[in-house]
Amino acid sequence: MTTLRRLPAAERRARLGVRHHLAPSAQAPDPVTVAHGVVALHATDPASVYLSALARMPAMPQRELSAALYDDRTLVRMLGMRRTMFVVPTPFVPVVQHSSSEAVAARLRTRLVKELSAVVDVLRSQGPSLAAELSEAEPRLRTQLMFGPADKAYGGPQAITSRVLNLLSAQSRIIRGRPTNGWAGSRYRWETVESWLPHGLPPMTVVAARTELVRCWLGRFGPGTLADLVWWTGWNQRDTKAALAPLDLVEVELDDGATGLLLADDADPVDEPEPWIAFLPALDPTPMGWTGRDWYLPDSHRRELFDSNGNIGPSIWADGRIVGGWAQGPAGEVRWRLLEDLGAERAAQVDGRAAELTEWHAGVSVIPKFRTPLQHALRGAYR
């Protein structure tokens, strides 16, 4: 591995705009291409999957993404890196499963008193089912355990239903099907994995899967540091370095003096695309792609855009930098605030995009699971 050159932040922002399908000339033709362009779409908030795709396509009717997820099944929702929910292209499921989900499953298993395999039998006998229907058929799912101190908001007795279902999902035995409460809902019907993937998952060694995951990340997010990769994958340094070892890489010097990694066949300079504006949802894969964020997130903006646990809320981007944030009012109208002066012309572009988003939501108001200071302010008052 040799040091190639200094790669300035401006070029990193240009790469981001093109590789992540955010610049107008780089927009994606379909949701699968969107997911491929960012490796995996964050899906902790179900609505974020739709809004992330919308930001990267010229137009994206809600039914188009729903069809990819639940009819064509070219996208799959699964637990993956960092025990986070993702939506990935179906051919990429084995990579995520063998590199990350299996380790997630092992950790989840240790948190349960015992695994209730009868859930799979229930699904086989009665077909797609809601969690409430499963607990009706398998009463042990209503078993309550004490999780954390009872005097804490996260503590007290809880039914083990969701924990068992998450474990079986991480083991690739069951899968989240179509939600019953609309495109932004999370009340899924659970199904056996063979009903979605009749041929099962192709075998893959952990090392090969990790190397492929890292290769894909570098192709979409590179240059990135070892620290970025350790954070994004949730692996330790030893496993991350082992995954990198088979790849042909070059090192570049980043603006902060850190060493960035690039695939050797992706080391040529990237031209800056045309100016662009994007409204990205909470936990979008782009802002969550790196742990070192100074090159696209001014320090002065962080307090407004992140919650106390480090989750980013809806953000406004201009040419590869975060410049503001947005939220929705009770009637679904998009409210926004710039955290720096972009000038009247760019501000008008932001306002136009907000109007388009308001129309797209058609009165549906989505409240992210993780609330940020700016979201609270915008929800209560307009600019």
Protein backbone atom coordinates (compact mmCIF):
# COMPACT_ATOMS: atom_id res chain seq x y z
CA MET A 1 0.00 0.00 0.00
CA THR A 2 1.41 3.37 -1.00
CA THR A 3 0.36 6.96 -0.33
CA LEU A 4 -1.06 8.38 -3.54
CA ARG A 5 -1.79 12.07 -3.01
CA ARG A 6 -3.58 14.60 -0.88
CA LEU A 7 -7.33 14.38 -1.36
CA PRO A 8 -9.05 17.62 -0.27
CA ALA A 9 -12.50 17.87 1.30
CA ALA A 10 -13.90 19.47 -1.85
CA GLU A 11 -13.17 16.28 -3.79
CA ARG A 12 -14.67 14.14 -1.07
CA ARG A 13 -17.84 16.21 -1.32
CA ALA A 14 -17.83 15.79 -5.11
CA ARG A 15 -17.52 12.02 -4.71
CA LEU A 16 -20.39 12.04 -2.23
CA GLY A 17 -22.68 13.94 -4.59
CA VAL A 18 -22.02 11.54 -7.47
CA ARG A 19 -21.65 8.17 -5.72
CA HIS A 20 -24.67 8.71 -3.47
CA HIS A 21 -26.91 9.84 -6.36
CA LEU A 22 -27.55 13.26 -4.84
CA ALA A 23 -26.34 15.52 -7.68
CA PRO A 24 -29.03 15.97 -10.39
CA SER A 25 -26.89 14.37 -13.12
CA ALA A 26 -26.23 11.33 -10.91
CA GLN A 27 -29.81 10.55 -9.84
CA ALA A 28 -30.76 6.87 -9.70
CA PRO A 29 -33.36 5.24 -11.97
CA ASP A 30 -34.88 2.95 -9.33
CA PRO A 31 -34.82 2.14 -5.58
CA VAL A 32 -32.47 -0.83 -5.98
CA THR A 33 -29.86 1.44 -7.59
CA VAL A 34 -30.33 3.86 -4.70
CA ALA A 35 -29.63 1.16 -2.11
CA HIS A 36 -26.66 -0.10 -4.10
CA GLY A 37 -25.26 3.43 -4.24
CA VAL A 38 -25.10 3.76 -0.45
CA VAL A 39 -24.45 0.03 0.27
CA ALA A 40 -27.54 -0.14 2.50
CA LEU A 41 -30.41 2.16 3.39
CA HIS A 42 -30.94 2.85 7.08
CA ALA A 43 -34.36 1.52 8.08
CA THR A 44 -34.70 2.17 11.82
CA ASP A 45 -37.39 4.65 10.84
CA PRO A 46 -39.45 2.96 8.09
CA ALA A 47 -40.25 6.32 6.49
CA SER A 48 -36.55 7.12 6.11
CA VAL A 49 -36.19 4.36 3.52
CA TYR A 50 -38.77 6.09 1.32
CA LEU A 51 -37.38 9.58 1.89
CA SER A 52 -33.78 8.48 1.25
CA ALA A 53 -34.86 6.98 -2.06
CA LEU A 54 -36.90 10.07 -2.95
CA ALA A 55 -33.85 12.31 -2.42
CA ARG A 56 -31.90 10.26 -4.97
CA MET A 57 -34.44 9.75 -7.74
CA PRO A 58 -36.01 12.24 -10.17
CA ALA A 59 -39.41 11.06 -8.92
CA MET A 60 -40.28 8.22 -6.58
CA PRO A 61 -43.92 7.29 -5.97
CA GLN A 62 -44.35 5.52 -2.66
CA ARG A 63 -45.78 2.50 -4.48
CA GLU A 64 -42.51 2.04 -6.41
CA LEU A 65 -40.46 1.38 -3.30
CA SER A 66 -43.24 -0.67 -1.74
CA ALA A 67 -43.28 -2.86 -4.86
CA ALA A 68 -39.50 -3.38 -4.66
CA LEU A 69 -39.80 -4.40 -1.00
CA TYR A 70 -42.94 -6.50 -0.95
CA ASP A 71 -43.93 -7.52 -4.49
CA ASP A 72 -40.77 -7.82 -6.60
CA ARG A 73 -38.70 -8.45 -3.43
CA THR A 74 -35.62 -6.92 -5.00
CA LEU A 75 -34.96 -5.21 -1.65
CA VAL A 76 -34.91 -6.89 1.76
CA ARG A 77 -35.21 -5.41 5.26
CA MET A 78 -32.78 -6.97 7.74
CA LEU A 79 -30.75 -6.42 10.89
CA GLY A 80 -27.14 -5.80 9.99
CA MET A 81 -24.15 -3.71 10.92
CA ARG A 82 -24.16 -2.31 14.48
CA ARG A 83 -27.43 -4.21 15.11
CA THR A 84 -29.12 -1.55 12.96
CA MET A 85 -32.05 -2.15 10.62
CA PHE A 86 -31.15 -1.81 6.93
CA VAL A 87 -32.75 -2.29 3.52
CA VAL A 88 -30.37 -3.91 1.04
CA PRO A 89 -30.55 -5.26 -2.52
CA THR A 90 -31.56 -8.92 -2.39
CA PRO A 91 -28.29 -10.23 -3.94
CA PHE A 92 -26.40 -8.41 -1.17
CA VAL A 93 -28.26 -10.17 1.66
CA PRO A 94 -25.64 -12.97 2.02
CA VAL A 95 -22.85 -10.40 2.41
CA VAL A 96 -24.63 -8.58 5.22
CA GLN A 97 -25.85 -11.81 6.81
CA HIS A 98 -22.49 -13.57 6.95
CA SER A 99 -20.41 -10.48 7.70
CA SER A 100 -22.61 -8.92 10.35
CA SER A 101 -26.05 -10.38 11.04
CA GLU A 102 -24.77 -13.71 12.30
CA ALA A 103 -22.70 -11.95 14.95
CA VAL A 104 -25.74 -9.84 15.81
CA ALA A 105 -27.77 -13.01 16.22
CA ALA A 106 -25.18 -14.50 18.56
CA ARG A 107 -25.34 -11.42 20.77
CA LEU A 108 -29.13 -11.33 20.76
CA ARG A 109 -29.30 -14.98 21.69
CA THR A 110 -27.29 -14.44 24.85
CA ARG A 111 -29.87 -11.89 26.01
CA LEU A 112 -32.76 -14.32 25.96
CA VAL A 113 -33.60 -16.96 28.51
CA LYS A 114 -34.29 -19.36 25.67
CA GLU A 115 -35.19 -19.20 22.02
CA LEU A 116 -38.77 -19.97 21.11
CA SER A 117 -38.36 -21.90 17.87
CA ALA A 118 -42.07 -22.63 17.89
CA VAL A 119 -42.57 -19.23 16.24
CA VAL A 120 -41.28 -20.63 12.95
CA ASP A 121 -43.67 -23.57 13.21
CA VAL A 122 -46.58 -21.20 13.79
CA LEU A 123 -45.68 -19.21 10.68
CA ARG A 124 -45.42 -22.39 8.65
CA SER A 125 -48.84 -23.55 9.80
CA GLN A 126 -50.84 -20.30 9.68
CA GLY A 127 -48.88 -18.20 7.18
CA PRO A 128 -47.96 -14.49 7.39
CA SER A 129 -48.83 -13.19 10.85
CA LEU A 130 -48.68 -10.08 12.99
CA ALA A 131 -46.70 -10.15 16.23
CA ALA A 132 -49.97 -10.05 18.19
CA GLU A 133 -51.27 -13.04 16.23
CA LEU A 134 -48.06 -14.94 16.89
CA SER A 135 -48.26 -14.34 20.63
CA GLU A 136 -51.86 -15.52 20.54
CA ALA A 137 -50.80 -18.77 18.89
CA GLU A 138 -47.64 -19.13 20.99
CA PRO A 139 -48.45 -17.81 24.50
CA ARG A 140 -44.83 -18.07 25.65
CA LEU A 141 -44.15 -15.01 23.51
CA ARG A 142 -46.07 -13.04 26.13
CA THR A 143 -43.52 -14.03 28.78
CA GLN A 144 -42.20 -10.93 30.53
CA LEU A 145 -38.64 -10.46 31.72
CA MET A 146 -37.06 -7.63 33.70
CA PHE A 147 -34.83 -5.56 31.42
CA GLY A 148 -32.88 -2.89 33.25
CA PRO A 149 -33.82 -1.03 36.43
CA ALA A 150 -37.57 -0.62 36.91
CA ASP A 151 -37.17 3.09 37.75
CA LYS A 152 -35.64 3.85 34.33
CA ALA A 153 -37.64 4.66 31.20
CA TYR A 154 -36.02 1.75 29.37
CA GLY A 155 -36.36 -0.66 32.31
CA GLY A 156 -39.05 -2.77 33.90
CA PRO A 157 -40.94 -5.84 32.70
CA GLN A 158 -41.21 -6.30 28.94
CA ALA A 159 -42.68 -9.03 26.77
CA ILE A 160 -40.01 -11.00 24.94
CA THR A 161 -41.95 -11.02 21.65
CA SER A 162 -39.84 -8.44 19.83
CA ARG A 163 -36.59 -9.86 21.18
CA VAL A 164 -37.40 -13.35 19.94
CA LEU A 165 -38.54 -12.09 16.54
CA ASN A 166 -35.41 -9.94 16.16
CA LEU A 167 -33.22 -12.91 17.02
CA LEU A 168 -34.94 -15.21 14.53
CA SER A 169 -34.66 -12.46 11.92
CA ALA A 170 -30.94 -11.99 12.57
CA GLN A 171 -30.53 -15.74 12.19
CA SER A 172 -32.17 -15.45 8.75
CA ARG A 173 -35.03 -17.74 9.76
CA ILE A 174 -37.87 -15.22 9.46
CA ILE A 175 -38.24 -11.91 7.65
CA ARG A 176 -40.23 -8.68 7.95
CA GLY A 177 -42.97 -8.59 5.35
CA ARG A 178 -45.42 -5.89 4.34
CA PRO A 179 -46.48 -3.46 7.09
CA THR A 180 -50.18 -3.18 7.83
CA ASN A 181 -50.14 0.52 8.76
CA GLY A 182 -48.95 2.23 5.57
CA TRP A 183 -45.63 3.14 3.98
CA ALA A 184 -44.34 4.85 7.14
CA GLY A 185 -45.51 2.10 9.47
CA SER A 186 -43.59 -0.58 11.35
CA ARG A 187 -46.32 -3.12 12.16
CA TYR A 188 -44.95 -5.85 9.93
CA ARG A 189 -46.32 -9.24 9.03
CA TRP A 190 -43.62 -11.80 9.74
CA GLU A 191 -42.92 -14.60 7.27
CA THR A 192 -40.50 -17.50 7.00
CA VAL A 193 -37.36 -16.64 5.09
CA GLU A 194 -37.89 -19.44 2.56
CA SER A 195 -41.16 -17.79 1.49
CA TRP A 196 -39.07 -14.81 0.33
CA LEU A 197 -35.82 -16.49 -0.63
CA PRO A 198 -36.84 -19.98 -1.83
CA HIS A 199 -33.26 -21.03 -2.56
CA GLY A 200 -31.91 -19.79 0.75
CA LEU A 201 -28.70 -17.82 1.21
CA PRO A 202 -25.58 -18.78 -0.75
CA PRO A 203 -22.80 -19.99 1.56
CA MET A 204 -20.05 -17.47 2.26
CA THR A 205 -17.22 -17.40 4.76
CA VAL A 206 -17.20 -14.64 7.33
CA VAL A 207 -13.86 -13.34 6.05
CA ALA A 208 -15.03 -13.23 2.42
CA ALA A 209 -18.29 -11.52 3.40
CA ARG A 210 -16.49 -8.91 5.49
CA THR A 211 -14.03 -8.18 2.72
CA GLU A 212 -16.85 -7.74 0.21
CA LEU A 213 -18.75 -5.44 2.56
CA VAL A 214 -15.64 -3.30 3.09
CA ARG A 215 -14.93 -3.24 -0.64
CA CYS A 216 -18.45 -1.98 -1.34
CA TRP A 217 -18.21 0.63 1.41
CA LEU A 218 -14.93 2.00 0.03
CA GLY A 219 -16.44 2.15 -3.44
CA ARG A 220 -19.35 4.29 -2.21
CA PHE A 221 -17.93 6.14 0.80
CA GLY A 222 -14.19 6.18 0.14
CA PRO A 223 -11.91 7.70 1.03
CA GLY A 224 -12.50 6.70 4.61
CA THR A 225 -10.32 6.04 7.61
CA LEU A 226 -9.91 2.84 9.55
CA ALA A 227 -11.87 4.53 12.35
CA ASP A 228 -14.73 5.23 9.93
CA LEU A 229 -14.88 1.57 8.94
CA VAL A 230 -14.68 0.30 12.51
CA TRP A 231 -17.58 2.56 13.46
CA TRP A 232 -19.74 1.86 10.41
CA THR A 233 -19.37 -1.91 10.53
CA GLY A 234 -19.43 -2.23 14.31
CA TRP A 235 -16.41 -4.58 14.17
CA ASN A 236 -13.21 -4.31 16.17
CA GLN A 237 -9.96 -3.08 14.62
CA ARG A 238 -8.52 -6.56 14.25
CA ASP A 239 -11.45 -7.87 12.22
CA THR A 240 -11.63 -4.69 10.16
CA LYS A 241 -7.94 -4.85 9.26
CA ALA A 242 -8.33 -8.53 8.34
CA ALA A 243 -11.21 -7.63 6.02
CA LEU A 244 -9.10 -4.93 4.35
CA ALA A 245 -6.02 -7.13 3.91
CA PRO A 246 -7.05 -8.89 0.64
CA LEU A 247 -7.95 -5.61 -1.10
CA ASP A 248 -5.70 -3.57 -3.38
CA LEU A 249 -5.74 -0.20 -1.64
CA VAL A 250 -4.02 3.16 -1.78
CA GLU A 251 -3.65 5.69 1.02
CA VAL A 252 -4.49 9.37 0.63
CA GLU A 253 -3.87 12.30 2.93
CA LEU A 254 -7.07 13.98 4.09
CA ASP A 255 -7.47 17.64 5.03
CA ASP A 256 -7.22 16.95 8.76
CA GLY A 257 -3.98 15.02 8.30
CA ALA A 258 -5.64 11.62 8.74
CA THR A 259 -4.91 8.76 6.36
CA GLY A 260 -7.79 7.79 4.11
CA LEU A 261 -8.20 4.54 2.18
CA LEU A 262 -9.32 4.12 -1.42
CA LEU A 263 -9.63 1.16 -3.73
CA ALA A 264 -6.64 1.26 -6.07
CA ASP A 265 -8.88 1.25 -9.16
CA ASP A 266 -10.88 4.19 -7.79
CA ALA A 267 -8.06 6.61 -7.04
CA ASP A 268 -8.42 9.06 -9.92
CA PRO A 269 -9.70 12.57 -9.16
CA VAL A 270 -13.47 13.12 -9.45
CA ASP A 271 -14.84 16.22 -11.13
CA GLU A 272 -17.17 18.42 -9.13
CA PRO A 273 -20.80 17.94 -10.19
CA GLU A 274 -23.30 20.74 -10.77
CA PRO A 275 -24.70 22.50 -7.66
CA TRP A 276 -27.30 20.50 -5.77
CA ILE A 277 -29.69 20.70 -2.84
CA ALA A 278 -31.04 17.67 -0.98
CA PHE A 279 -33.41 17.07 1.91
CA LEU A 280 -32.26 13.88 3.66
CA PRO A 281 -34.30 12.13 6.37
CA ALA A 282 -33.30 11.14 9.88
CA LEU A 283 -30.52 8.52 9.93
CA ASP A 284 -29.98 8.74 6.18
CA PRO A 285 -26.98 6.59 5.14
CA THR A 286 -24.98 9.55 3.83
CA PRO A 287 -24.53 11.54 7.07
CA MET A 288 -24.24 8.25 8.98
CA GLY A 289 -21.50 6.95 6.69
CA TRP A 290 -18.46 8.25 8.58
CA THR A 291 -17.49 8.91 12.17
CA GLY A 292 -15.12 11.72 11.09
CA ARG A 293 -17.60 14.33 9.82
CA ASP A 294 -15.84 17.71 9.88
CA TRP A 295 -15.51 17.79 6.08
CA TYR A 296 -19.29 17.86 5.54
CA LEU A 297 -20.70 18.88 8.93
CA PRO A 298 -19.60 22.19 10.47
CA ASP A 299 -19.11 21.86 14.20
CA SER A 300 -21.51 24.75 14.80
CA HIS A 301 -24.39 22.70 13.34
CA ARG A 302 -24.00 19.54 15.39
CA ARG A 303 -25.94 20.53 18.49
CA GLU A 304 -29.05 21.38 16.47
CA LEU A 305 -29.05 18.30 14.25
CA PHE A 306 -28.20 15.39 16.59
CA ASP A 307 -30.01 13.94 19.57
CA SER A 308 -28.25 13.07 22.82
CA ASN A 309 -27.43 9.55 21.56
CA GLY A 310 -25.68 10.71 18.37
CA ASN A 311 -28.57 10.10 15.97
CA ILE A 312 -28.87 12.67 13.19
CA GLY A 313 -32.24 14.15 12.37
CA PRO A 314 -33.49 15.36 8.96
CA SER A 315 -30.81 17.46 7.29
CA ILE A 316 -30.50 19.85 4.37
CA TRP A 317 -27.47 19.50 2.11
CA ALA A 318 -25.90 21.86 -0.40
CA ASP A 319 -23.07 20.62 -2.63
CA GLY A 320 -21.87 17.96 -0.20
CA ARG A 321 -22.22 19.89 3.06
CA ILE A 322 -24.93 19.96 5.71
CA VAL A 323 -26.34 23.48 5.84
CA GLY A 324 -29.59 23.13 7.76
CA GLY A 325 -32.40 20.90 8.92
CA TRP A 326 -36.09 20.27 8.43
CA ALA A 327 -39.15 18.79 10.08
CA GLN A 328 -42.87 18.47 9.46
CA GLY A 329 -45.75 20.27 11.05
CA PRO A 330 -48.88 18.45 12.27
CA ALA A 331 -50.52 18.78 8.84
CA GLY A 332 -47.53 17.31 7.03
CA GLU A 333 -46.10 20.60 5.80
CA VAL A 334 -42.30 20.65 5.56
CA ARG A 335 -40.66 23.31 7.72
CA TRP A 336 -37.00 24.14 7.36
CA ARG A 337 -34.20 26.27 8.71
CA LEU A 338 -30.79 27.07 7.26
CA LEU A 339 -27.93 27.21 9.75
CA GLU A 340 -25.80 29.37 7.46
CA ASP A 341 -26.41 31.96 4.75
CA LEU A 342 -26.63 30.44 1.26
CA GLY A 343 -27.84 33.57 -0.47
CA ALA A 344 -31.31 34.35 -1.79
CA GLU A 345 -31.10 32.13 -4.89
CA ARG A 346 -30.08 28.95 -3.04
CA ALA A 347 -32.57 29.68 -0.25
CA ALA A 348 -35.30 29.86 -2.87
CA GLN A 349 -34.18 26.44 -4.16
CA VAL A 350 -34.45 25.08 -0.63
CA ASP A 351 -37.94 26.52 -0.30
CA GLY A 352 -38.97 24.97 -3.61
CA ARG A 353 -37.72 21.57 -2.55
CA ALA A 354 -39.61 21.87 0.73
CA ALA A 355 -42.82 22.57 -1.20
CA GLU A 356 -42.24 19.46 -3.34
CA LEU A 357 -41.71 17.35 -0.23
CA THR A 358 -44.88 18.71 1.34
CA GLU A 359 -46.85 17.72 -1.74
CA TRP A 360 -45.24 14.25 -1.82
CA HIS A 361 -46.23 13.55 1.80
CA ALA A 362 -49.87 14.33 0.93
CA GLY A 363 -50.79 15.25 4.49
CA VAL A 364 -48.86 12.45 6.22
CA SER A 365 -46.73 13.83 9.05
CA VAL A 366 -43.75 11.61 9.90
CA ILE A 367 -42.10 12.07 13.29
CA PRO A 368 -38.67 10.38 13.50
CA LYS A 369 -38.06 8.08 16.45
CA PHE A 370 -35.08 10.22 17.48
CA ARG A 371 -35.93 13.87 18.05
CA THR A 372 -33.30 16.60 17.71
CA PRO A 373 -33.30 20.17 19.08
CA LEU A 374 -33.98 21.65 15.63
CA GLN A 375 -36.87 19.25 15.04
CA HIS A 376 -38.46 20.29 18.33
CA ALA A 377 -38.07 23.94 17.40
CA LEU A 378 -39.47 23.53 13.90
CA ARG A 379 -42.36 21.36 15.01
CA GLY A 380 -43.50 24.17 17.27
CA ALA A 381 -42.72 27.22 15.15
CA TYR A 382 -42.06 28.02 11.53
CA ARG A 383 -38.62 29.49 10.71
